[in-house]
Amino acid sequence: MGATAIFKCKMCGFETDELSLGPGFAVFLETFICQDCHHIMEKPINDDWQILEGYEECDRCRKNNLIKWDYTCPNCGDFMKLEPVGMWD
């Protein structure tokens, strides 16, 4: 069972959508950021920590320019704080 959370930046006030994180019943989700539009999203990954085939596009701009998110704010670069919301499976 994984957690759901939002991330908030204390510096500029930016916050993410609610994200599902970690292991679920049948899939493991990891958080990625699009290098083109800076949208933060979760994607299913395989045992090699690579995005599963068919899920490589950004949810917003549909480009294939995703990297693992390092929890820094896409607006100001400050570290974002996790705020738990619930659980998912």
PDB file of N, CA and C in Angstrom:
ATOM      1  N   MET A   1       0.843  -1.175   0.000  1.00  0.00           N
ATOM      2  CA  MET A   1       0.000   0.000   0.000  1.00  0.00           C
ATOM      3  C   MET A   1       0.887   1.236   0.000  1.00  0.00           C
ATOM      4  N   GLY A   2       0.594   2.176  -0.894  1.00  0.00           N
ATOM      5  CA  GLY A   2       1.368   3.402  -1.000  1.00  0.00           C
ATOM      6  C   GLY A   2       0.658   4.565  -0.334  1.00  0.00           C
ATOM      7  N   ALA A   3       1.321   5.682  -0.307  1.00  0.00           N
ATOM      8  CA  ALA A   3       0.774   6.893   0.300  1.00  0.00           C
ATOM      9  C   ALA A   3       0.359   7.884  -0.784  1.00  0.00           C
ATOM     10  N   THR A   4      -0.585   8.747  -0.448  1.00  0.00           N
ATOM     11  CA  THR A   4      -0.895   9.890  -1.298  1.00  0.00           C
ATOM     12  C   THR A   4      -0.470  11.142  -0.545  1.00  0.00           C
ATOM     13  N   ALA A   5       0.028  12.115  -1.299  1.00  0.00           N
ATOM     14  CA  ALA A   5       0.558  13.317  -0.664  1.00  0.00           C
ATOM     15  C   ALA A   5       0.543  14.469  -1.658  1.00  0.00           C
ATOM     16  N   ILE A   6       0.640  15.651  -1.105  1.00  0.00           N
ATOM     17  CA  ILE A   6       0.934  16.831  -1.911  1.00  0.00           C
ATOM     18  C   ILE A   6       2.262  17.365  -1.391  1.00  0.00           C
ATOM     19  N   PHE A   7       2.944  18.116  -2.228  1.00  0.00           N
ATOM     20  CA  PHE A   7       4.201  18.740  -1.843  1.00  0.00           C
ATOM     21  C   PHE A   7       4.009  20.245  -1.939  1.00  0.00           C
ATOM     22  N   LYS A   8       4.457  20.964  -0.901  1.00  0.00           N
ATOM     23  CA  LYS A   8       4.320  22.415  -0.863  1.00  0.00           C
ATOM     24  C   LYS A   8       5.678  23.071  -0.696  1.00  0.00           C
ATOM     25  N   CYS A   9       5.835  24.207  -1.384  1.00  0.00           N
ATOM     26  CA  CYS A   9       7.055  24.997  -1.267  1.00  0.00           C
ATOM     27  C   CYS A   9       6.796  26.146  -0.299  1.00  0.00           C
ATOM     28  N   LYS A  10       7.559  26.198   0.776  1.00  0.00           N
ATOM     29  CA  LYS A  10       7.414  27.283   1.752  1.00  0.00           C
ATOM     30  C   LYS A  10       7.892  28.618   1.199  1.00  0.00           C
ATOM     31  N   MET A  11       8.844  28.557   0.255  1.00  0.00           N
ATOM     32  CA  MET A  11       9.441  29.777  -0.270  1.00  0.00           C
ATOM     33  C   MET A  11       8.473  30.551  -1.175  1.00  0.00           C
ATOM     34  N   CYS A  12       7.864  29.866  -2.155  1.00  0.00           N
ATOM     35  CA  CYS A  12       7.035  30.584  -3.139  1.00  0.00           C
ATOM     36  C   CYS A  12       5.560  30.192  -3.124  1.00  0.00           C
ATOM     37  N   GLY A  13       5.202  29.144  -2.356  1.00  0.00           N
ATOM     38  CA  GLY A  13       3.806  28.748  -2.251  1.00  0.00           C
ATOM     39  C   GLY A  13       3.327  27.750  -3.289  1.00  0.00           C
ATOM     40  N   PHE A  14       4.195  27.340  -4.220  1.00  0.00           N
ATOM     41  CA  PHE A  14       3.804  26.354  -5.228  1.00  0.00           C
ATOM     42  C   PHE A  14       3.439  25.050  -4.533  1.00  0.00           C
ATOM     43  N   GLU A  15       2.413  24.354  -5.049  1.00  0.00           N
ATOM     44  CA  GLU A  15       2.112  23.023  -4.553  1.00  0.00           C
ATOM     45  C   GLU A  15       1.713  22.105  -5.704  1.00  0.00           C
ATOM     46  N   THR A  16       1.997  20.816  -5.518  1.00  0.00           N
ATOM     47  CA  THR A  16       1.685  19.817  -6.530  1.00  0.00           C
ATOM     48  C   THR A  16       0.225  19.402  -6.424  1.00  0.00           C
ATOM     49  N   ASP A  17      -0.232  18.693  -7.444  1.00  0.00           N
ATOM     50  CA  ASP A  17      -1.495  17.975  -7.342  1.00  0.00           C
ATOM     51  C   ASP A  17      -1.269  16.851  -6.337  1.00  0.00           C
ATOM     52  N   GLU A  18      -2.338  16.176  -5.923  1.00  0.00           N
ATOM     53  CA  GLU A  18      -2.186  15.014  -5.057  1.00  0.00           C
ATOM     54  C   GLU A  18      -1.500  13.906  -5.853  1.00  0.00           C
ATOM     55  N   LEU A  19      -0.436  13.350  -5.286  1.00  0.00           N
ATOM     56  CA  LEU A  19       0.360  12.326  -5.954  1.00  0.00           C
ATOM     57  C   LEU A  19       0.273  11.011  -5.196  1.00  0.00           C
ATOM     58  N   SER A  20       0.240   9.906  -5.925  1.00  0.00           N
ATOM     59  CA  SER A  20       0.313   8.571  -5.336  1.00  0.00           C
ATOM     60  C   SER A  20       1.769   8.156  -5.357  1.00  0.00           C
ATOM     61  N   LEU A  21       2.272   7.698  -4.223  1.00  0.00           N
ATOM     62  CA  LEU A  21       3.697   7.397  -4.082  1.00  0.00           C
ATOM     63  C   LEU A  21       3.904   5.981  -3.588  1.00  0.00           C
ATOM     64  N   GLY A  22       4.983   5.350  -4.017  1.00  0.00           N
ATOM     65  CA  GLY A  22       5.391   4.067  -3.476  1.00  0.00           C
ATOM     66  C   GLY A  22       4.682   2.868  -4.053  1.00  0.00           C
ATOM     67  N   PRO A  23       4.743   1.744  -3.309  1.00  0.00           N
ATOM     68  CA  PRO A  23       4.216   0.485  -3.821  1.00  0.00           C
ATOM     69  C   PRO A  23       2.708   0.365  -3.625  1.00  0.00           C
ATOM     70  N   GLY A  24       2.051  -0.103  -4.673  1.00  0.00           N
ATOM     71  CA  GLY A  24       0.643  -0.457  -4.593  1.00  0.00           C
ATOM     72  C   GLY A  24       0.530  -1.964  -4.663  1.00  0.00           C
ATOM     73  N   PHE A  25      -0.659  -2.459  -4.870  1.00  0.00           N
ATOM     74  CA  PHE A  25      -0.878  -3.901  -4.937  1.00  0.00           C
ATOM     75  C   PHE A  25      -0.141  -4.524  -6.120  1.00  0.00           C
ATOM     76  N   ALA A  26      -0.204  -3.885  -7.286  1.00  0.00           N
ATOM     77  CA  ALA A  26       0.368  -4.487  -8.488  1.00  0.00           C
ATOM     78  C   ALA A  26       1.417  -3.625  -9.185  1.00  0.00           C
ATOM     79  N   VAL A  27       1.701  -2.428  -8.660  1.00  0.00           N
ATOM     80  CA  VAL A  27       2.612  -1.524  -9.358  1.00  0.00           C
ATOM     81  C   VAL A  27       3.326  -0.637  -8.335  1.00  0.00           C
ATOM     82  N   PHE A  28       4.526  -0.177  -8.712  1.00  0.00           N
ATOM     83  CA  PHE A  28       5.275   0.772  -7.891  1.00  0.00           C
ATOM     84  C   PHE A  28       5.313   2.093  -8.648  1.00  0.00           C
ATOM     85  N   LEU A  29       4.959   3.182  -7.967  1.00  0.00           N
ATOM     86  CA  LEU A  29       4.945   4.499  -8.596  1.00  0.00           C
ATOM     87  C   LEU A  29       6.118   5.335  -8.116  1.00  0.00           C
ATOM     88  N   GLU A  30       6.712   6.076  -9.040  1.00  0.00           N
ATOM     89  CA  GLU A  30       7.806   6.997  -8.750  1.00  0.00           C
ATOM     90  C   GLU A  30       7.411   8.363  -9.298  1.00  0.00           C
ATOM     91  N   THR A  31       7.951   9.407  -8.713  1.00  0.00           N
ATOM     92  CA  THR A  31       7.604  10.769  -9.098  1.00  0.00           C
ATOM     93  C   THR A  31       8.609  11.317 -10.102  1.00  0.00           C
ATOM     94  N   PHE A  32       8.070  11.914 -11.172  1.00  0.00           N
ATOM     95  CA  PHE A  32       8.880  12.480 -12.252  1.00  0.00           C
ATOM     96  C   PHE A  32       8.462  13.919 -12.523  1.00  0.00           C
ATOM     97  N   ILE A  33       9.366  14.674 -13.147  1.00  0.00           N
ATOM     98  CA  ILE A  33       9.063  16.040 -13.569  1.00  0.00           C
ATOM     99  C   ILE A  33       9.382  16.158 -15.057  1.00  0.00           C
ATOM    100  N   CYS A  34       8.535  16.868 -15.764  1.00  0.00           N
ATOM    101  CA  CYS A  34       8.749  17.109 -17.186  1.00  0.00           C
ATOM    102  C   CYS A  34       9.731  18.270 -17.332  1.00  0.00           C
ATOM    103  N   GLN A  35      10.780  18.070 -18.093  1.00  0.00           N
ATOM    104  CA  GLN A  35      11.762  19.120 -18.291  1.00  0.00           C
ATOM    105  C   GLN A  35      11.286  20.206 -19.245  1.00  0.00           C
ATOM    106  N   ASP A  36      10.163  19.961 -19.934  1.00  0.00           N
ATOM    107  CA  ASP A  36       9.620  20.963 -20.853  1.00  0.00           C
ATOM    108  C   ASP A  36       8.600  21.874 -20.165  1.00  0.00           C
ATOM    109  N   CYS A  37       7.579  21.293 -19.520  1.00  0.00           N
ATOM    110  CA  CYS A  37       6.512  22.120 -18.925  1.00  0.00           C
ATOM    111  C   CYS A  37       6.577  22.166 -17.398  1.00  0.00           C
ATOM    112  N   HIS A  38       7.489  21.409 -16.771  1.00  0.00           N
ATOM    113  CA  HIS A  38       7.732  21.382 -15.320  1.00  0.00           C
ATOM    114  C   HIS A  38       6.572  20.809 -14.519  1.00  0.00           C
ATOM    115  N   HIS A  39       5.722  20.015 -15.171  1.00  0.00           N
ATOM    116  CA  HIS A  39       4.634  19.336 -14.471  1.00  0.00           C
ATOM    117  C   HIS A  39       5.203  18.158 -13.681  1.00  0.00           C
ATOM    118  N   ILE A  40       4.735  17.985 -12.452  1.00  0.00           N
ATOM    119  CA  ILE A  40       5.186  16.900 -11.586  1.00  0.00           C
ATOM    120  C   ILE A  40       4.091  15.844 -11.559  1.00  0.00           C
ATOM    121  N   MET A  41       4.480  14.581 -11.784  1.00  0.00           N
ATOM    122  CA  MET A  41       3.497  13.501 -11.872  1.00  0.00           C
ATOM    123  C   MET A  41       4.120  12.189 -11.423  1.00  0.00           C
ATOM    124  N   GLU A  42       3.272  11.205 -11.117  1.00  0.00           N
ATOM    125  CA  GLU A  42       3.768   9.879 -10.808  1.00  0.00           C
ATOM    126  C   GLU A  42       3.622   8.994 -12.041  1.00  0.00           C
ATOM    127  N   LYS A  43       4.553   8.048 -12.153  1.00  0.00           N
ATOM    128  CA  LYS A  43       4.551   7.095 -13.260  1.00  0.00           C
ATOM    129  C   LYS A  43       4.895   5.712 -12.719  1.00  0.00           C
ATOM    130  N   PRO A  44       4.302   4.654 -13.300  1.00  0.00           N
ATOM    131  CA  PRO A  44       4.655   3.294 -12.885  1.00  0.00           C
ATOM    132  C   PRO A  44       6.048   2.943 -13.395  1.00  0.00           C
ATOM    133  N   ILE A  45       6.818   2.242 -12.551  1.00  0.00           N
ATOM    134  CA  ILE A  45       8.180   1.868 -12.928  1.00  0.00           C
ATOM    135  C   ILE A  45       8.367   0.355 -12.823  1.00  0.00           C
ATOM    136  N   ASN A  46       9.417  -0.148 -13.499  1.00  0.00           N
ATOM    137  CA  ASN A  46       9.741  -1.572 -13.447  1.00  0.00           C
ATOM    138  C   ASN A  46      10.826  -1.830 -12.401  1.00  0.00           C
ATOM    139  N   ASP A  47      11.321  -3.058 -12.366  1.00  0.00           N
ATOM    140  CA  ASP A  47      12.354  -3.437 -11.391  1.00  0.00           C
ATOM    141  C   ASP A  47      13.668  -2.699 -11.586  1.00  0.00           C
ATOM    142  N   ASP A  48      13.895  -2.166 -12.799  1.00  0.00           N
ATOM    143  CA  ASP A  48      15.107  -1.402 -13.086  1.00  0.00           C
ATOM    144  C   ASP A  48      14.904   0.095 -12.860  1.00  0.00           C
ATOM    145  N   TRP A  49      13.800   0.472 -12.237  1.00  0.00           N
ATOM    146  CA  TRP A  49      13.456   1.862 -11.936  1.00  0.00           C
ATOM    147  C   TRP A  49      13.249   2.703 -13.190  1.00  0.00           C
ATOM    148  N   GLN A  50      12.854   2.055 -14.288  1.00  0.00           N
ATOM    149  CA  GLN A  50      12.551   2.744 -15.536  1.00  0.00           C
ATOM    150  C   GLN A  50      11.034   2.847 -15.692  1.00  0.00           C
ATOM    151  N   ILE A  51      10.571   3.923 -16.314  1.00  0.00           N
ATOM    152  CA  ILE A  51       9.144   4.095 -16.549  1.00  0.00           C
ATOM    153  C   ILE A  51       8.654   2.972 -17.454  1.00  0.00           C
ATOM    154  N   LEU A  52       7.502   2.385 -17.098  1.00  0.00           N
ATOM    155  CA  LEU A  52       6.943   1.302 -17.899  1.00  0.00           C
ATOM    156  C   LEU A  52       6.612   1.779 -19.305  1.00  0.00           C
ATOM    157  N   GLU A  53       6.810   0.894 -20.262  1.00  0.00           N
ATOM    158  CA  GLU A  53       6.514   1.204 -21.658  1.00  0.00           C
ATOM    159  C   GLU A  53       5.054   1.626 -21.795  1.00  0.00           C
ATOM    160  N   GLY A  54       4.848   2.705 -22.540  1.00  0.00           N
ATOM    161  CA  GLY A  54       3.511   3.242 -22.750  1.00  0.00           C
ATOM    162  C   GLY A  54       3.148   4.376 -21.803  1.00  0.00           C
ATOM    163  N   TYR A  55       4.021   4.647 -20.805  1.00  0.00           N
ATOM    164  CA  TYR A  55       3.758   5.699 -19.821  1.00  0.00           C
ATOM    165  C   TYR A  55       4.828   6.787 -19.839  1.00  0.00           C
ATOM    166  N   GLU A  56       5.625   6.850 -20.895  1.00  0.00           N
ATOM    167  CA  GLU A  56       6.786   7.738 -20.934  1.00  0.00           C
ATOM    168  C   GLU A  56       6.454   9.200 -21.191  1.00  0.00           C
ATOM    169  N   GLU A  57       5.221   9.513 -21.559  1.00  0.00           N
ATOM    170  CA  GLU A  57       4.852  10.892 -21.895  1.00  0.00           C
ATOM    171  C   GLU A  57       4.418  11.690 -20.666  1.00  0.00           C
ATOM    172  N   CYS A  58       4.653  12.990 -20.728  1.00  0.00           N
ATOM    173  CA  CYS A  58       4.152  13.913 -19.713  1.00  0.00           C
ATOM    174  C   CYS A  58       2.626  13.917 -19.762  1.00  0.00           C
ATOM    175  N   ASP A  59       2.002  13.911 -18.608  1.00  0.00           N
ATOM    176  CA  ASP A  59       0.535  13.937 -18.525  1.00  0.00           C
ATOM    177  C   ASP A  59      -0.041  15.251 -19.047  1.00  0.00           C
ATOM    178  N   ARG A  60       0.743  16.305 -19.016  1.00  0.00           N
ATOM    179  CA  ARG A  60       0.247  17.627 -19.435  1.00  0.00           C
ATOM    180  C   ARG A  60       0.587  17.945 -20.891  1.00  0.00           C
ATOM    181  N   CYS A  61       1.879  17.939 -21.253  1.00  0.00           N
ATOM    182  CA  CYS A  61       2.284  18.386 -22.593  1.00  0.00           C
ATOM    183  C   CYS A  61       2.532  17.245 -23.575  1.00  0.00           C
ATOM    184  N   ARG A  62       2.515  16.001 -23.094  1.00  0.00           N
ATOM    185  CA  ARG A  62       2.670  14.796 -23.914  1.00  0.00           C
ATOM    186  C   ARG A  62       4.065  14.618 -24.527  1.00  0.00           C
ATOM    187  N   LYS A  63       5.059  15.341 -24.030  1.00  0.00           N
ATOM    188  CA  LYS A  63       6.431  15.164 -24.512  1.00  0.00           C
ATOM    189  C   LYS A  63       7.126  14.074 -23.691  1.00  0.00           C
ATOM    190  N   ASN A  64       8.164  13.490 -24.263  1.00  0.00           N
ATOM    191  CA  ASN A  64       8.925  12.420 -23.606  1.00  0.00           C
ATOM    192  C   ASN A  64      10.207  12.960 -22.996  1.00  0.00           C
ATOM    193  N   ASN A  65      10.094  13.906 -22.099  1.00  0.00           N
ATOM    194  CA  ASN A  65      11.273  14.529 -21.521  1.00  0.00           C
ATOM    195  C   ASN A  65      11.179  14.519 -19.991  1.00  0.00           C
ATOM    196  N   LEU A  66      10.937  13.324 -19.435  1.00  0.00           N
ATOM    197  CA  LEU A  66      10.753  13.182 -17.990  1.00  0.00           C
ATOM    198  C   LEU A  66      12.046  12.746 -17.316  1.00  0.00           C
ATOM    199  N   ILE A  67      12.273  13.286 -16.124  1.00  0.00           N
ATOM    200  CA  ILE A  67      13.376  12.837 -15.272  1.00  0.00           C
ATOM    201  C   ILE A  67      12.816  12.618 -13.873  1.00  0.00           C
ATOM    202  N   LYS A  68      13.511  11.786 -13.092  1.00  0.00           N
ATOM    203  CA  LYS A  68      13.093  11.564 -11.707  1.00  0.00           C
ATOM    204  C   LYS A  68      13.146  12.901 -10.968  1.00  0.00           C
ATOM    205  N   TRP A  69      12.085  13.202 -10.250  1.00  0.00           N
ATOM    206  CA  TRP A  69      11.993  14.474  -9.531  1.00  0.00           C
ATOM    207  C   TRP A  69      12.821  14.423  -8.261  1.00  0.00           C
ATOM    208  N   ASP A  70      13.558  15.485  -7.987  1.00  0.00           N
ATOM    209  CA  ASP A  70      14.424  15.546  -6.798  1.00  0.00           C
ATOM    210  C   ASP A  70      13.797  16.350  -5.657  1.00  0.00           C
ATOM    211  N   TYR A  71      12.494  16.591  -5.716  1.00  0.00           N
ATOM    212  CA  TYR A  71      11.719  17.273  -4.667  1.00  0.00           C
ATOM    213  C   TYR A  71      12.068  18.744  -4.502  1.00  0.00           C
ATOM    214  N   THR A  72      12.646  19.339  -5.550  1.00  0.00           N
ATOM    215  CA  THR A  72      12.855  20.776  -5.526  1.00  0.00           C
ATOM    216  C   THR A  72      11.722  21.455  -6.287  1.00  0.00           C
ATOM    217  N   CYS A  73      11.412  22.665  -5.899  1.00  0.00           N
ATOM    218  CA  CYS A  73      10.327  23.429  -6.492  1.00  0.00           C
ATOM    219  C   CYS A  73      10.686  23.827  -7.926  1.00  0.00           C
ATOM    220  N   PRO A  74       9.785  23.558  -8.881  1.00  0.00           N
ATOM    221  CA  PRO A  74      10.074  23.950 -10.257  1.00  0.00           C
ATOM    222  C   PRO A  74      10.032  25.468 -10.469  1.00  0.00           C
ATOM    223  N   ASN A  75       9.464  26.209  -9.511  1.00  0.00           N
ATOM    224  CA  ASN A  75       9.404  27.673  -9.621  1.00  0.00           C
ATOM    225  C   ASN A  75      10.639  28.356  -9.063  1.00  0.00           C
ATOM    226  N   CYS A  76      11.044  27.969  -7.835  1.00  0.00           N
ATOM    227  CA  CYS A  76      12.128  28.709  -7.179  1.00  0.00           C
ATOM    228  C   CYS A  76      13.339  27.860  -6.812  1.00  0.00           C
ATOM    229  N   GLY A  77      13.226  26.530  -6.901  1.00  0.00           N
ATOM    230  CA  GLY A  77      14.361  25.664  -6.601  1.00  0.00           C
ATOM    231  C   GLY A  77      14.506  25.259  -5.150  1.00  0.00           C
ATOM    232  N   ASP A  78      13.635  25.769  -4.269  1.00  0.00           N
ATOM    233  CA  ASP A  78      13.696  25.398  -2.859  1.00  0.00           C
ATOM    234  C   ASP A  78      13.195  23.965  -2.684  1.00  0.00           C
ATOM    235  N   PHE A  79      13.585  23.320  -1.597  1.00  0.00           N
ATOM    236  CA  PHE A  79      13.130  21.963  -1.305  1.00  0.00           C
ATOM    237  C   PHE A  79      11.666  21.998  -0.889  1.00  0.00           C
ATOM    238  N   MET A  80      10.847  21.089  -1.445  1.00  0.00           N
ATOM    239  CA  MET A  80       9.412  21.071  -1.148  1.00  0.00           C
ATOM    240  C   MET A  80       9.111  20.081  -0.037  1.00  0.00           C
ATOM    241  N   LYS A  81       8.144  20.439   0.811  1.00  0.00           N
ATOM    242  CA  LYS A  81       7.770  19.631   1.965  1.00  0.00           C
ATOM    243  C   LYS A  81       6.596  18.727   1.625  1.00  0.00           C
ATOM    244  N   LEU A  82       6.714  17.442   1.986  1.00  0.00           N
ATOM    245  CA  LEU A  82       5.650  16.461   1.785  1.00  0.00           C
ATOM    246  C   LEU A  82       4.572  16.647   2.845  1.00  0.00           C
ATOM    247  N   GLU A  83       3.320  16.651   2.416  1.00  0.00           N
ATOM    248  CA  GLU A  83       2.178  16.683   3.328  1.00  0.00           C
ATOM    249  C   GLU A  83       1.294  15.483   3.022  1.00  0.00           C
ATOM    250  N   PRO A  84       1.300  14.457   3.912  1.00  0.00           N
ATOM    251  CA  PRO A  84       0.510  13.256   3.675  1.00  0.00           C
ATOM    252  C   PRO A  84      -0.979  13.573   3.537  1.00  0.00           C
ATOM    253  N   VAL A  85      -1.649  12.843   2.639  1.00  0.00           N
ATOM    254  CA  VAL A  85      -3.084  12.992   2.436  1.00  0.00           C
ATOM    255  C   VAL A  85      -3.811  11.704   2.774  1.00  0.00           C
ATOM    256  N   GLY A  86      -3.289  10.566   2.301  1.00  0.00           N
ATOM    257  CA  GLY A  86      -3.952   9.291   2.533  1.00  0.00           C
ATOM    258  C   GLY A  86      -3.141   8.127   2.028  1.00  0.00           C
ATOM    259  N   MET A  87      -3.841   7.051   1.662  1.00  0.00           N
ATOM    260  CA  MET A  87      -3.206   5.838   1.182  1.00  0.00           C
ATOM    261  C   MET A  87      -3.844   5.392  -0.119  1.00  0.00           C
ATOM    262  N   TRP A  88      -3.115   4.587  -0.891  1.00  0.00           N
ATOM    263  CA  TRP A  88      -3.656   3.985  -2.112  1.00  0.00           C
ATOM    264  C   TRP A  88      -3.130   2.562  -2.214  1.00  0.00           C
ATOM    265  N   ASP A  89      -3.809   1.712  -3.000  1.00  0.00           N
ATOM    266  CA  ASP A  89      -3.309   0.353  -3.250  1.00  0.00           C
ATOM    267  C   ASP A  89      -3.698  -0.147  -4.615  1.00  0.00           C
TER     268      ASP A  89
END
